[in-house]
PDB file of N, CA and C in Angstrom:
ATOM      1  N   UNK A   1     101.872  61.144 -19.305  1.00  0.00           N
ATOM      2  CA  UNK A   1     101.599  62.203 -20.538  1.00  0.00           C
ATOM      3  C   UNK A   1     100.196  62.200 -20.729  1.00  0.00           C
ATOM      4  N   UNK A   2      99.691  63.188 -20.939  1.00  0.00           N
ATOM      5  CA  UNK A   2      98.095  63.499 -21.259  1.00  0.00           C
ATOM      6  C   UNK A   2      98.208  63.491 -22.711  1.00  0.00           C
ATOM      7  N   UNK A   3      96.938  62.993 -23.230  1.00  0.00           N
ATOM      8  CA  UNK A   3      96.836  63.096 -24.603  1.00  0.00           C
ATOM      9  C   UNK A   3      95.463  63.730 -24.759  1.00  0.00           C
ATOM     10  N   UNK A   4      95.533  64.944 -25.490  1.00  0.00           N
ATOM     11  CA  UNK A   4      94.292  65.882 -25.362  1.00  0.00           C
ATOM     12  C   UNK A   4      94.041  66.336 -26.925  1.00  0.00           C
ATOM     13  N   UNK A   5      92.827  67.025 -27.079  1.00  0.00           N
ATOM     14  CA  UNK A   5      92.542  67.663 -28.376  1.00  0.00           C
ATOM     15  C   UNK A   5      93.183  68.994 -28.455  1.00  0.00           C
ATOM     16  N   UNK A   6      93.333  69.721 -27.400  1.00  0.00           N
ATOM     17  CA  UNK A   6      93.702  71.079 -27.610  1.00  0.00           C
ATOM     18  C   UNK A   6      94.885  71.357 -26.380  1.00  0.00           C
ATOM     19  N   UNK A   7      95.778  71.966 -27.023  1.00  0.00           N
ATOM     20  CA  UNK A   7      97.094  71.963 -26.052  1.00  0.00           C
ATOM     21  C   UNK A   7      97.136  73.453 -25.447  1.00  0.00           C
ATOM     22  N   UNK A   8      96.283  74.284 -25.929  1.00  0.00           N
ATOM     23  CA  UNK A   8      96.550  75.738 -25.553  1.00  0.00           C
ATOM     24  C   UNK A   8      96.387  75.892 -23.848  1.00  0.00           C
ATOM     25  N   UNK A   9      95.359  75.241 -23.159  1.00  0.00           N
ATOM     26  CA  UNK A   9      95.184  75.394 -21.841  1.00  0.00           C
ATOM     27  C   UNK A   9      96.361  74.594 -21.060  1.00  0.00           C
ATOM     28  N   UNK A  10      96.920  73.750 -21.762  1.00  0.00           N
ATOM     29  CA  UNK A  10      97.947  72.753 -21.115  1.00  0.00           C
ATOM     30  C   UNK A  10      99.270  73.521 -21.157  1.00  0.00           C
ATOM     31  N   UNK A  11      99.543  74.414 -22.164  1.00  0.00           N
ATOM     32  CA  UNK A  11     100.621  75.253 -22.519  1.00  0.00           C
ATOM     33  C   UNK A  11     100.607  76.356 -21.162  1.00  0.00           C
ATOM     34  N   UNK A  12      99.411  76.799 -20.698  1.00  0.00           N
ATOM     35  CA  UNK A  12      99.396  77.786 -19.743  1.00  0.00           C
ATOM     36  C   UNK A  12      99.656  77.282 -18.313  1.00  0.00           C
ATOM     37  N   UNK A  13      99.749  75.980 -18.093  1.00  0.00           N
ATOM     38  CA  UNK A  13      99.759  75.508 -16.927  1.00  0.00           C
ATOM     39  C   UNK A  13     101.081  75.824 -15.956  1.00  0.00           C
ATOM     40  N   UNK A  14     102.175  76.033 -16.857  1.00  0.00           N
ATOM     41  CA  UNK A  14     103.427  76.400 -16.167  1.00  0.00           C
ATOM     42  C   UNK A  14     104.137  77.401 -17.067  1.00  0.00           C
ATOM     43  N   UNK A  15     104.920  78.274 -16.605  1.00  0.00           N
ATOM     44  CA  UNK A  15     105.634  79.156 -17.404  1.00  0.00           C
ATOM     45  C   UNK A  15     106.666  78.618 -18.259  1.00  0.00           C
ATOM     46  N   UNK A  16     107.245  77.378 -17.945  1.00  0.00           N
ATOM     47  CA  UNK A  16     108.166  76.814 -18.613  1.00  0.00           C
ATOM     48  C   UNK A  16     107.806  75.774 -19.848  1.00  0.00           C
ATOM     49  N   UNK A  17     106.527  75.827 -20.099  1.00  0.00           N
ATOM     50  CA  UNK A  17     106.049  74.748 -21.039  1.00  0.00           C
ATOM     51  C   UNK A  17     106.301  75.391 -22.335  1.00  0.00           C
ATOM     52  N   UNK A  18     106.762  74.302 -23.291  1.00  0.00           N
ATOM     53  CA  UNK A  18     107.178  74.710 -24.660  1.00  0.00           C
ATOM     54  C   UNK A  18     106.227  73.763 -25.541  1.00  0.00           C
ATOM     55  N   UNK A  19     105.704  74.229 -26.766  1.00  0.00           N
ATOM     56  CA  UNK A  19     104.986  73.579 -27.752  1.00  0.00           C
ATOM     57  C   UNK A  19     106.016  73.117 -28.796  1.00  0.00           C
ATOM     58  N   UNK A  20     106.342  71.926 -29.101  1.00  0.00           N
ATOM     59  CA  UNK A  20     107.279  71.409 -30.026  1.00  0.00           C
ATOM     60  C   UNK A  20     106.508  70.506 -30.952  1.00  0.00           C
ATOM     61  N   UNK A  21     106.955  70.397 -32.266  1.00  0.00           N
ATOM     62  CA  UNK A  21     106.694  69.415 -33.271  1.00  0.00           C
ATOM     63  C   UNK A  21     107.614  68.299 -33.340  1.00  0.00           C
ATOM     64  N   UNK A  22     107.186  67.172 -33.225  1.00  0.00           N
ATOM     65  CA  UNK A  22     107.983  65.941 -33.577  1.00  0.00           C
ATOM     66  C   UNK A  22     107.354  64.894 -34.210  1.00  0.00           C
ATOM     67  N   UNK A  23     107.802  64.536 -35.405  1.00  0.00           N
ATOM     68  CA  UNK A  23     107.225  63.279 -36.085  1.00  0.00           C
ATOM     69  C   UNK A  23     105.622  63.570 -36.352  1.00  0.00           C
ATOM     70  N   UNK A  24     105.430  64.920 -36.700  1.00  0.00           N
ATOM     71  CA  UNK A  24     104.058  65.120 -37.186  1.00  0.00           C
ATOM     72  C   UNK A  24     103.039  65.231 -35.968  1.00  0.00           C
ATOM     73  N   UNK A  25     103.407  65.154 -34.769  1.00  0.00           N
ATOM     74  CA  UNK A  25     102.814  65.222 -33.675  1.00  0.00           C
ATOM     75  C   UNK A  25     103.137  66.444 -32.858  1.00  0.00           C
ATOM     76  N   UNK A  26     102.321  67.185 -32.154  1.00  0.00           N
ATOM     77  CA  UNK A  26     102.347  68.372 -31.318  1.00  0.00           C
ATOM     78  C   UNK A  26     102.518  68.009 -29.794  1.00  0.00           C
ATOM     79  N   UNK A  27     103.515  68.492 -29.241  1.00  0.00           N
ATOM     80  CA  UNK A  27     103.771  68.060 -27.793  1.00  0.00           C
ATOM     81  C   UNK A  27     103.867  69.140 -26.945  1.00  0.00           C
ATOM     82  N   UNK A  28     103.531  69.120 -25.690  1.00  0.00           N
ATOM     83  CA  UNK A  28     104.063  70.152 -24.732  1.00  0.00           C
ATOM     84  C   UNK A  28     105.084  69.559 -23.938  1.00  0.00           C
ATOM     85  N   UNK A  29     106.268  70.152 -23.822  1.00  0.00           N
ATOM     86  CA  UNK A  29     107.440  69.607 -22.916  1.00  0.00           C
ATOM     87  C   UNK A  29     107.814  70.709 -21.893  1.00  0.00           C
ATOM     88  N   UNK A  30     108.239  70.205 -20.806  1.00  0.00           N
ATOM     89  CA  UNK A  30     108.697  71.028 -19.870  1.00  0.00           C
ATOM     90  C   UNK A  30     110.018  70.530 -19.198  1.00  0.00           C
ATOM     91  N   UNK A  31     111.125  71.204 -19.355  1.00  0.00           N
ATOM     92  CA  UNK A  31     112.367  70.746 -18.803  1.00  0.00           C
ATOM     93  C   UNK A  31     112.454  70.564 -17.269  1.00  0.00           C
ATOM     94  N   UNK A  32     111.982  71.571 -16.693  1.00  0.00           N
ATOM     95  CA  UNK A  32     111.861  71.963 -15.347  1.00  0.00           C
ATOM     96  C   UNK A  32     111.092  71.082 -14.388  1.00  0.00           C
ATOM     97  N   UNK A  33     109.878  70.997 -14.920  1.00  0.00           N
ATOM     98  CA  UNK A  33     108.779  70.274 -14.323  1.00  0.00           C
ATOM     99  C   UNK A  33     108.209  69.208 -15.249  1.00  0.00           C
ATOM    100  N   UNK A  34     108.660  67.893 -15.115  1.00  0.00           N
ATOM    101  CA  UNK A  34     108.213  67.113 -16.283  1.00  0.00           C
ATOM    102  C   UNK A  34     107.138  66.352 -16.145  1.00  0.00           C
ATOM    103  N   UNK A  35     106.198  66.734 -15.117  1.00  0.00           N
ATOM    104  CA  UNK A  35     105.027  66.054 -15.128  1.00  0.00           C
ATOM    105  C   UNK A  35     103.909  66.950 -16.109  1.00  0.00           C
ATOM    106  N   UNK A  36     104.325  68.024 -16.679  1.00  0.00           N
ATOM    107  CA  UNK A  36     103.351  68.704 -17.496  1.00  0.00           C
ATOM    108  C   UNK A  36     103.592  68.372 -18.951  1.00  0.00           C
ATOM    109  N   UNK A  37     103.891  67.128 -19.289  1.00  0.00           N
ATOM    110  CA  UNK A  37     104.063  66.754 -20.576  1.00  0.00           C
ATOM    111  C   UNK A  37     102.773  66.483 -21.195  1.00  0.00           C
ATOM    112  N   UNK A  38     102.440  66.729 -22.329  1.00  0.00           N
ATOM    113  CA  UNK A  38     101.211  66.424 -22.993  1.00  0.00           C
ATOM    114  C   UNK A  38     101.446  66.088 -24.537  1.00  0.00           C
ATOM    115  N   UNK A  39     100.517  65.476 -25.265  1.00  0.00           N
ATOM    116  CA  UNK A  39     100.416  65.170 -26.731  1.00  0.00           C
ATOM    117  C   UNK A  39      99.010  65.544 -27.309  1.00  0.00           C
ATOM    118  N   UNK A  40      99.074  66.158 -28.474  1.00  0.00           N
ATOM    119  CA  UNK A  40      97.763  66.294 -29.126  1.00  0.00           C
ATOM    120  C   UNK A  40      97.435  65.207 -30.049  1.00  0.00           C
ATOM    121  N   UNK A  41      96.296  64.884 -30.079  1.00  0.00           N
ATOM    122  CA  UNK A  41      95.680  63.857 -31.061  1.00  0.00           C
ATOM    123  C   UNK A  41      95.521  62.419 -30.275  1.00  0.00           C
TER     124      UNK A  41
END
């Protein structure tokens, strides 16, 4: 999982990427290709 300041570029890496909020943090998750996970902050 990458930890980055801005998730906008990581959301565009794959068409199945979703931005979700969990426990106050913002994550990029991808159900089909799990290596595209990322977290902000």
